[in-house]
Amino acid sequence: MKSAFFQEEKNKEELKEELDSLEIQLYRMQNNIKEIAKKSEVISIDQTPHDEWVVVYADREKDTWQLMLHSCKRAYRGNWHSALQAEVKDDSTIHIAAIKGEENKGYGSVLMEHLKEMAKEENVQYITGDLVKRDFDHVDRLQYFYEKHNFDVTIDHEEEYGEIVWNDDE
C-alpha cells in the first residue's frame, strides 16, 4: 500500500509541474505575441509533437516568405528558434531556400505544415527545394523529414544532389 501512496503523490507532483509549466508558457505566449506582432505577421499559435507551445509568425514580401517560430518556454528577445525561408518563383511554385534552427524539437514540422497551408491559401500548387552537397552529412534525416510531409524526394548520392517536390493536387 505504501508504494501506491507514493505513486499517487508522484503523479500529483508531476501534474503540478506540468500545470506550472503550462501556466508559464501561456504567460510567455501572451507577451511573446505582443512583441512579435510589432514587427511581423502572427500566423498561428501551435503545439509541437512534444507538447511545446510555439508562436508561428511570418515576414512576407513579393518574392520571399520567411516563416519563423518562437518557443513559449522562453521570452521573446527578437530571435526565432527556427525559420523556414522560401522564394516565390511564380504563381504556382514556392522554392524552399533554407530551414534553420534547433533540431529534433518538431519545429521544422510545425513550420512545414504552415508553409503548405499558406501555399494552399495562395493557390500555389508546388513547393520545391534542393538538397545540396552540404546537406549530405544528414541526407537520410532530410529524406525522412520531407517524405513525412508528403514530398517526392529524388536523391543522386553519387553527385550529392537531390530535389524535393510537393504537389497540392496529390
Protein backbone atom coordinates (compact mmCIF):
# COMPACT_ATOMS: atom_id res chain seq x y z
CA MET A 1 0.00 0.00 0.00
CA LYS A 2 2.85 2.32 0.75
CA SER A 3 4.13 2.25 -2.85
CA ALA A 4 0.67 3.07 -4.24
CA PHE A 5 0.55 6.13 -1.98
CA PHE A 6 3.96 7.31 -3.18
CA GLN A 7 2.96 6.69 -6.80
CA GLU A 8 -0.17 8.81 -6.31
CA GLU A 9 1.86 11.57 -4.67
CA LYS A 10 4.38 11.42 -7.51
CA ASN A 11 1.59 11.71 -10.06
CA LYS A 12 0.17 14.72 -8.22
CA GLU A 13 3.63 16.31 -8.18
CA GLU A 14 4.11 15.60 -11.90
CA LEU A 15 0.71 17.12 -12.65
CA LYS A 16 1.57 20.22 -10.63
CA GLU A 17 4.85 20.58 -12.55
CA GLU A 18 3.03 20.21 -15.88
CA LEU A 19 0.43 22.79 -14.87
CA ASP A 20 3.12 25.20 -13.67
CA SER A 21 4.99 24.77 -16.98
CA LEU A 22 1.80 25.32 -18.97
CA GLU A 23 0.95 28.44 -16.95
CA ILE A 24 4.42 29.88 -17.61
CA GLN A 25 4.17 29.05 -21.33
CA LEU A 26 0.76 30.74 -21.60
CA TYR A 27 2.03 33.85 -19.83
CA ARG A 28 5.06 33.99 -22.14
CA MET A 29 2.84 33.29 -25.15
CA GLN A 30 0.80 36.41 -24.43
CA ASN A 31 3.90 38.58 -24.05
CA ASN A 32 5.69 36.98 -26.99
CA ILE A 33 2.72 37.60 -29.32
CA LYS A 34 2.60 41.27 -28.31
CA GLU A 35 6.30 41.71 -29.11
CA ILE A 36 6.30 39.64 -32.31
CA ALA A 37 3.20 41.40 -33.68
CA LYS A 38 5.03 44.74 -33.56
CA LYS A 39 7.26 43.64 -36.47
CA SER A 40 5.78 40.52 -38.07
CA GLU A 41 2.51 38.87 -39.00
CA VAL A 42 1.47 36.34 -36.33
CA ILE A 43 0.26 33.28 -38.26
CA SER A 44 -0.62 30.85 -35.52
CA ILE A 45 -0.19 29.52 -32.05
CA ASP A 46 0.67 25.86 -32.34
CA GLN A 47 1.97 22.91 -30.40
CA THR A 48 4.94 20.74 -31.34
CA PRO A 49 4.75 16.95 -31.26
CA HIS A 50 6.48 17.31 -27.86
CA ASP A 51 3.57 19.42 -26.46
CA GLU A 52 5.58 22.63 -26.52
CA TRP A 53 3.59 25.77 -27.32
CA VAL A 54 5.05 27.97 -30.06
CA VAL A 55 4.18 31.18 -31.87
CA VAL A 56 4.45 30.97 -35.68
CA TYR A 57 4.95 34.26 -37.48
CA ALA A 58 5.93 35.46 -40.93
CA ASP A 59 7.55 38.22 -42.89
CA ARG A 60 6.21 38.08 -46.45
CA GLU A 61 7.38 40.16 -49.32
CA LYS A 62 6.60 39.85 -53.01
CA ASP A 63 9.35 37.33 -53.79
CA THR A 64 10.25 35.89 -50.37
CA TRP A 65 8.47 34.36 -47.41
CA GLN A 66 10.12 33.77 -44.09
CA LEU A 67 8.21 31.71 -41.56
CA MET A 68 9.61 31.79 -38.05
CA LEU A 69 8.81 30.04 -34.82
CA HIS A 70 9.44 31.03 -31.21
CA SER A 71 9.02 28.69 -28.25
CA CYS A 72 6.82 29.88 -25.42
CA LYS A 73 9.20 28.22 -22.98
CA ARG A 74 11.35 31.32 -23.37
CA ALA A 75 10.71 35.04 -23.52
CA TYR A 76 10.91 36.62 -26.99
CA ARG A 77 14.03 38.77 -27.33
CA GLY A 78 13.88 39.37 -31.08
CA ASN A 79 15.25 35.99 -32.18
CA TRP A 80 13.47 32.94 -33.59
CA HIS A 81 14.13 29.34 -32.59
CA SER A 82 13.53 28.01 -36.10
CA ALA A 83 12.91 29.57 -39.50
CA LEU A 84 11.96 28.48 -43.00
CA GLN A 85 12.94 30.73 -45.89
CA ALA A 86 11.25 30.36 -49.26
CA GLU A 87 11.34 32.14 -52.60
CA VAL A 88 8.21 32.75 -54.64
CA LYS A 89 9.26 31.53 -58.09
CA ASP A 90 5.97 32.18 -59.89
CA ASP A 91 2.21 31.94 -59.27
CA SER A 92 2.36 28.17 -58.93
CA THR A 93 5.71 27.48 -57.19
CA ILE A 94 7.44 28.30 -53.91
CA HIS A 95 11.06 27.15 -53.54
CA ILE A 96 12.44 26.37 -50.07
CA ALA A 97 15.78 28.13 -49.72
CA ALA A 98 16.61 27.05 -46.15
CA ILE A 99 15.29 25.62 -42.93
CA LYS A 100 17.34 26.71 -39.93
CA GLY A 101 17.22 26.41 -36.19
CA GLU A 102 17.07 23.98 -33.33
CA GLU A 103 16.81 20.33 -34.37
CA ASN A 104 14.71 17.41 -33.15
CA LYS A 105 12.11 19.54 -31.40
CA GLY A 106 9.38 19.35 -34.05
CA TYR A 107 9.88 23.00 -35.05
CA GLY A 108 10.61 22.17 -38.70
CA SER A 109 7.43 20.10 -38.93
CA VAL A 110 5.31 22.91 -37.49
CA LEU A 111 6.82 25.39 -39.98
CA MET A 112 6.39 22.99 -42.91
CA GLU A 113 2.70 22.45 -42.12
CA HIS A 114 2.17 26.21 -42.04
CA LEU A 115 4.08 26.72 -45.30
CA LYS A 116 1.85 24.14 -47.02
CA GLU A 117 -1.24 25.80 -45.54
CA MET A 118 -0.10 29.23 -46.78
CA ALA A 119 0.64 27.76 -50.21
CA LYS A 120 -2.89 26.38 -50.40
CA GLU A 121 -4.37 29.74 -49.33
CA GLU A 122 -2.38 31.49 -52.08
CA ASN A 123 -3.31 28.80 -54.67
CA VAL A 124 0.33 27.78 -55.02
CA GLN A 125 0.43 24.22 -56.32
CA TYR A 126 4.11 23.30 -55.86
CA ILE A 127 6.70 23.62 -53.14
CA THR A 128 10.17 22.69 -54.35
CA GLY A 129 13.65 22.57 -52.89
CA ASP A 130 17.17 21.30 -53.45
CA LEU A 131 19.38 19.03 -51.43
CA VAL A 132 22.97 20.17 -51.92
CA LYS A 133 26.42 18.90 -51.00
CA ARG A 134 26.37 20.48 -47.51
CA ASP A 135 23.17 18.51 -46.75
CA PHE A 136 24.69 15.09 -47.37
CA ASP A 137 26.03 14.57 -43.85
CA HIS A 138 22.36 14.35 -42.79
CA VAL A 139 20.62 13.50 -46.09
CA ASP A 140 18.84 10.44 -44.64
CA ARG A 141 17.23 12.61 -41.97
CA LEU A 142 16.20 15.18 -44.61
CA GLN A 143 14.72 12.47 -46.82
CA TYR A 144 12.68 11.14 -43.89
CA PHE A 145 11.52 14.67 -42.99
CA TYR A 146 10.38 15.58 -46.50
CA GLU A 147 8.72 12.23 -47.18
CA LYS A 148 6.90 12.55 -43.85
CA HIS A 149 5.48 15.83 -45.20
CA ASN A 150 4.36 14.23 -48.50
CA PHE A 151 7.18 15.49 -50.70
CA ASP A 152 8.56 13.44 -53.57
CA VAL A 153 12.29 13.15 -52.89
CA THR A 154 14.85 12.35 -55.59
CA ILE A 155 18.46 11.88 -54.50
CA ASP A 156 21.62 11.30 -56.52
CA HIS A 157 24.09 10.08 -53.89
CA GLU A 158 26.97 9.95 -56.35
CA GLU A 159 26.57 13.61 -57.37
CA GLU A 160 25.45 14.62 -53.84
CA TYR A 161 22.39 16.40 -55.14
CA GLY A 162 18.68 16.00 -54.69
CA GLU A 163 15.32 17.61 -55.33
CA ILE A 164 12.09 17.75 -53.38
CA VAL A 165 8.62 18.48 -54.76
CA TRP A 166 5.29 18.82 -53.00
CA ASN A 167 2.24 18.93 -55.22
CA ASP A 168 -1.03 20.22 -53.74
CA ASP A 169 -3.04 18.16 -56.27
CA GLU A 170 -1.79 14.86 -54.84
